[in-house]
C-alpha atoms as a PDB file:
ATOM      1  CA  MET A   1       0.047  -0.146  -0.094  1.00  0.00           C
ATOM      2  CA  ILE A   2       3.158   2.333   0.777  1.00  0.00           C
ATOM      3  CA  ALA A   3       4.237   1.786  -2.679  1.00  0.00           C
ATOM      4  CA  ALA A   4       0.795   2.686  -4.231  1.00  0.00           C
ATOM      5  CA  LEU A   5       0.373   5.950  -2.417  1.00  0.00           C
ATOM      6  CA  GLY A   6       4.060   7.399  -3.502  1.00  0.00           C
ATOM      7  CA  ASP A   7       5.941   6.063  -0.553  1.00  0.00           C
ATOM      8  CA  GLU A   8       3.567   7.848   1.911  1.00  0.00           C
ATOM      9  CA  GLU A   9       4.288   6.419   5.441  1.00  0.00           C
ATOM     10  CA  PRO A  10       1.486   5.473   7.408  1.00  0.00           C
ATOM     11  CA  ALA A  11       0.717   8.297  10.288  1.00  0.00           C
ATOM     12  CA  ALA A  12      -0.518   5.254  12.818  1.00  0.00           C
ATOM     13  CA  ARG A  13      -0.463   1.509  12.515  1.00  0.00           C
ATOM     14  CA  ARG A  14      -2.431  -0.920  14.658  1.00  0.00           C
ATOM     15  CA  GLY A  15      -2.205  -4.416  15.229  1.00  0.00           C
ATOM     16  CA  SER A  16      -2.434  -7.110  17.830  1.00  0.00           C
ATOM     17  CA  PHE A  17      -0.795 -10.457  18.888  1.00  0.00           C
ATOM     18  CA  PRO A  18      -2.791 -13.384  18.118  1.00  0.00           C
ATOM     19  CA  HIS A  19      -3.129 -14.526  22.122  1.00  0.00           C
ATOM     20  CA  TYR A  20      -2.054 -12.225  25.121  1.00  0.00           C
ATOM     21  CA  ALA A  21       0.574 -14.864  25.814  1.00  0.00           C
ATOM     22  CA  PHE A  22       2.740 -14.071  23.018  1.00  0.00           C
ATOM     23  CA  ARG A  23       2.952 -10.434  23.752  1.00  0.00           C
ATOM     24  CA  ARG A  24       6.824 -11.244  24.556  1.00  0.00           C
ATOM     25  CA  TYR A  25       7.466 -13.700  22.069  1.00  0.00           C
ATOM     26  CA  GLY A  26       5.129 -13.826  19.354  1.00  0.00           C
ATOM     27  CA  GLN A  27       4.321 -12.395  15.937  1.00  0.00           C
ATOM     28  CA  TRP A  28       2.439  -9.017  15.953  1.00  0.00           C
ATOM     29  CA  ASN A  29      -0.179  -9.098  13.282  1.00  0.00           C
ATOM     30  CA  LEU A  30      -1.025  -5.694  11.265  1.00  0.00           C
ATOM     31  CA  GLU A  31      -4.364  -4.887  11.021  1.00  0.00           C
ATOM     32  CA  GLU A  32      -4.437  -1.333  10.060  1.00  0.00           C
ATOM     33  CA  ASP A  33      -2.375   1.180   8.064  1.00  0.00           C
ATOM     34  CA  ARG A  34      -3.732   5.061   8.404  1.00  0.00           C
ATOM     35  CA  PHE A  35      -2.628   7.183   5.749  1.00  0.00           C
ATOM     36  CA  ASP A  36      -3.615  10.806   6.631  1.00  0.00           C
ATOM     37  CA  GLY A  37      -1.858  12.298   3.773  1.00  0.00           C
ATOM     38  CA  ALA A  38      -4.168  10.138   1.192  1.00  0.00           C
ATOM     39  CA  GLY A  39      -7.271  10.148   3.600  1.00  0.00           C
ATOM     40  CA  LEU A  40      -7.603   6.139   3.700  1.00  0.00           C
ATOM     41  CA  THR A  41      -7.134   3.390   5.928  1.00  0.00           C
ATOM     42  CA  ALA A  42      -5.684  -0.011   4.468  1.00  0.00           C
ATOM     43  CA  HIS A  43      -7.243  -3.110   6.507  1.00  0.00           C
ATOM     44  CA  TYR A  44      -4.947  -6.238   6.349  1.00  0.00           C
ATOM     45  CA  ARG A  45      -6.008  -9.822   7.111  1.00  0.00           C
ATOM     46  CA  TRP A  46      -2.894 -12.327   8.064  1.00  0.00           C
ATOM     47  CA  ARG A  47      -2.693 -14.864   5.380  1.00  0.00           C
ATOM     48  CA  ASP A  48      -0.104 -17.375   4.394  1.00  0.00           C
ATOM     49  CA  GLY A  49       2.446 -15.876   6.670  1.00  0.00           C
ATOM     50  CA  GLY A  50       1.887 -12.131   6.421  1.00  0.00           C
ATOM     51  CA  PRO A  51      -0.493  -9.427   6.334  1.00  0.00           C
ATOM     52  CA  ARG A  52      -2.163  -9.128   2.849  1.00  0.00           C
ATOM     53  CA  LEU A  53      -4.266  -6.173   1.886  1.00  0.00           C
ATOM     54  CA  ALA A  54      -8.096  -6.793   2.377  1.00  0.00           C
ATOM     55  CA  ALA A  55      -9.924  -3.464   2.380  1.00  0.00           C
ATOM     56  CA  VAL A  56      -9.290  -0.104   1.941  1.00  0.00           C
ATOM     57  CA  THR A  57     -11.832   2.560   3.581  1.00  0.00           C
ATOM     58  CA  VAL A  58     -11.860   5.958   1.817  1.00  0.00           C
ATOM     59  CA  HIS A  59     -12.202   8.667   4.587  1.00  0.00           C
ATOM     60  CA  GLY A  60     -14.157  10.970   2.097  1.00  0.00           C
ATOM     61  CA  ARG A  61     -14.253  14.513   4.554  1.00  0.00           C
ATOM     62  CA  THR A  62     -10.336  14.334   4.439  1.00  0.00           C
ATOM     63  CA  GLY A  63      -9.502  12.143   1.546  1.00  0.00           C
ATOM     64  CA  PRO A  64     -10.685  11.685  -2.125  1.00  0.00           C
ATOM     65  CA  GLN A  65     -14.431  11.844  -3.060  1.00  0.00           C
ATOM     66  CA  VAL A  66     -15.961   8.595  -4.377  1.00  0.00           C
ATOM     67  CA  VAL A  67     -18.619   8.574  -7.104  1.00  0.00           C
ATOM     68  CA  HIS A  68     -20.094   5.163  -8.270  1.00  0.00           C
ATOM     69  CA  ASP A  69     -22.222   4.997 -11.448  1.00  0.00           C
ATOM     70  CA  GLY A  70     -22.963   8.753 -11.522  1.00  0.00           C
ATOM     71  CA  MET A  71     -23.825   8.586  -7.902  1.00  0.00           C
ATOM     72  CA  LYS A  72     -21.971  11.083  -5.479  1.00  0.00           C
ATOM     73  CA  LEU A  73     -21.280   8.790  -2.337  1.00  0.00           C
ATOM     74  CA  ILE A  74     -19.507  10.714  -0.308  1.00  0.00           C
ATOM     75  CA  GLY A  75     -21.263  14.016   1.625  1.00  0.00           C
ATOM     76  CA  GLN A  76     -24.611  12.864   0.846  1.00  0.00           C
ATOM     77  CA  LYS A  77     -27.031  12.144   3.452  1.00  0.00           C
ATOM     78  CA  VAL A  78     -27.344   8.789   4.468  1.00  0.00           C
ATOM     79  CA  THR A  79     -31.300   8.694   3.815  1.00  0.00           C
ATOM     80  CA  ALA A  80     -30.751  10.090   0.690  1.00  0.00           C
ATOM     81  CA  LEU A  81     -28.169   7.842  -0.661  1.00  0.00           C
ATOM     82  CA  ASP A  82     -29.970   4.648   0.918  1.00  0.00           C
ATOM     83  CA  ALA A  83     -33.255   5.949  -0.933  1.00  0.00           C
ATOM     84  CA  ALA A  84     -31.303   6.430  -4.091  1.00  0.00           C
ATOM     85  CA  LEU A  85     -29.663   2.957  -3.972  1.00  0.00           C
ATOM     86  CA  ILE A  86     -33.149   1.316  -2.889  1.00  0.00           C
ATOM     87  CA  GLU A  87     -34.787   2.999  -6.071  1.00  0.00           C
ATOM     88  CA  ARG A  88     -32.039   1.588  -8.348  1.00  0.00           C
ATOM     89  CA  ALA A  89     -32.388  -1.836  -6.965  1.00  0.00           C
ATOM     90  CA  GLU A  90     -36.002  -1.950  -7.516  1.00  0.00           C
ATOM     91  CA  ARG A  91     -35.786  -0.463 -10.970  1.00  0.00           C
ATOM     92  CA  GLY A  92     -33.541  -3.510 -11.534  1.00  0.00           C
ATOM     93  CA  ASP A  93     -30.327  -1.380 -12.068  1.00  0.00           C
ATOM     94  CA  MET A  94     -28.341  -2.966  -9.471  1.00  0.00           C
ATOM     95  CA  SER A  95     -28.908  -5.336  -6.413  1.00  0.00           C
ATOM     96  CA  LEU A  96     -27.734  -4.478  -2.961  1.00  0.00           C
ATOM     97  CA  ALA A  97     -25.905  -5.972  -0.138  1.00  0.00           C
ATOM     98  CA  THR A  98     -25.866  -5.302   3.401  1.00  0.00           C
ATOM     99  CA  GLY A  99     -22.452  -5.237   5.352  1.00  0.00           C
ATOM    100  CA  CYS A 100     -21.991  -6.844   8.502  1.00  0.00           C
ATOM    101  CA  SER A 101     -21.918  -3.661  10.184  1.00  0.00           C
ATOM    102  CA  GLY A 102     -25.350  -2.828   8.816  1.00  0.00           C
ATOM    103  CA  ASP A 103     -23.832  -0.531   5.832  1.00  0.00           C
ATOM    104  CA  LEU A 104     -25.700  -0.523   2.708  1.00  0.00           C
ATOM    105  CA  GLY A 105     -23.641  -1.833  -0.496  1.00  0.00           C
ATOM    106  CA  ILE A 106     -23.987  -2.569  -3.939  1.00  0.00           C
ATOM    107  CA  HIS A 107     -23.748  -6.478  -4.658  1.00  0.00           C
ATOM    108  CA  GLY A 108     -20.943  -7.633  -6.675  1.00  0.00           C
ATOM    109  CA  CYS A 109     -19.134  -4.430  -6.023  1.00  0.00           C
ATOM    110  CA  ASN A 110     -17.638  -5.075  -2.553  1.00  0.00           C
ATOM    111  CA  MET A 111     -18.044  -1.415  -1.568  1.00  0.00           C
ATOM    112  CA  TYR A 112     -19.918  -0.568   1.542  1.00  0.00           C
ATOM    113  CA  VAL A 113     -20.881   3.261   2.629  1.00  0.00           C
ATOM    114  CA  ARG A 114     -21.283   4.541   5.880  1.00  0.00           C
ATOM    115  CA  SER A 115     -21.638   7.548   8.415  1.00  0.00           C
ATOM    116  CA  ALA A 116     -18.603   7.087  10.717  1.00  0.00           C
ATOM    117  CA  ARG A 117     -19.445   9.501  13.405  1.00  0.00           C
ATOM    118  CA  ALA A 118     -22.250   8.681  15.666  1.00  0.00           C
ATOM    119  CA  GLY A 119     -25.063  11.082  15.099  1.00  0.00           C
ATOM    120  CA  ASP A 120     -23.644  12.312  11.772  1.00  0.00           C
ATOM    121  CA  GLY A 121     -26.561  12.318   8.951  1.00  0.00           C
ATOM    122  CA  MET A 122     -23.949  12.287   6.346  1.00  0.00           C
ATOM    123  CA  VAL A 123     -21.886   9.201   4.492  1.00  0.00           C
ATOM    124  CA  SER A 124     -18.357  10.231   5.195  1.00  0.00           C
ATOM    125  CA  GLU A 125     -16.415   7.035   4.056  1.00  0.00           C
ATOM    126  CA  ALA A 126     -16.883   4.571   1.280  1.00  0.00           C
ATOM    127  CA  ARG A 127     -14.994   0.856   2.172  1.00  0.00           C
ATOM    128  CA  PHE A 128     -13.929  -1.149  -0.575  1.00  0.00           C
ATOM    129  CA  CYS A 129     -13.314  -4.891   0.289  1.00  0.00           C
ATOM    130  CA  ASP A 130     -12.219  -8.458  -1.132  1.00  0.00           C
ATOM    131  CA  ALA A 131     -15.124 -10.812  -1.705  1.00  0.00           C
ATOM    132  CA  ASP A 132     -14.896 -12.247   1.710  1.00  0.00           C
ATOM    133  CA  TRP A 133     -13.963  -9.571   3.616  1.00  0.00           C
ATOM    134  CA  GLU A 134     -17.902  -9.109   5.226  1.00  0.00           C
ATOM    135  CA  ASP A 135     -18.049 -12.591   6.131  1.00  0.00           C
ATOM    136  CA  HIS A 136     -14.834 -12.572   7.889  1.00  0.00           C
ATOM    137  CA  GLY A 137     -13.800  -8.801   8.622  1.00  0.00           C
END
């Protein structure tokens, strides 16, 4: 991810040990890198002996804006975006999926939109993920 962002170093890294008993001797597992300059967070899953990129969250208020099929996603009212997605699904233009956190997404796109701050009525993030992220993420 660092190379894709022009060698931007993560502003913060989050990870954990697989079990509290391994803190002294075990392998620390990288879970997230936050890139403030690019306005996104990379989410990793531990596979095949190392961290593998599994999802990217775009923080729309500070990072890039996201448009899908002519619909502005970031900065829209949650209720307005939900209504637009549901209307398109009812017309048969797309089918919808609900993520494990209750976030609405477009089926097959592996993209979910959300309001990140409690009480915020605007969509502020979009998460793009691999096919099984919502099953295990």
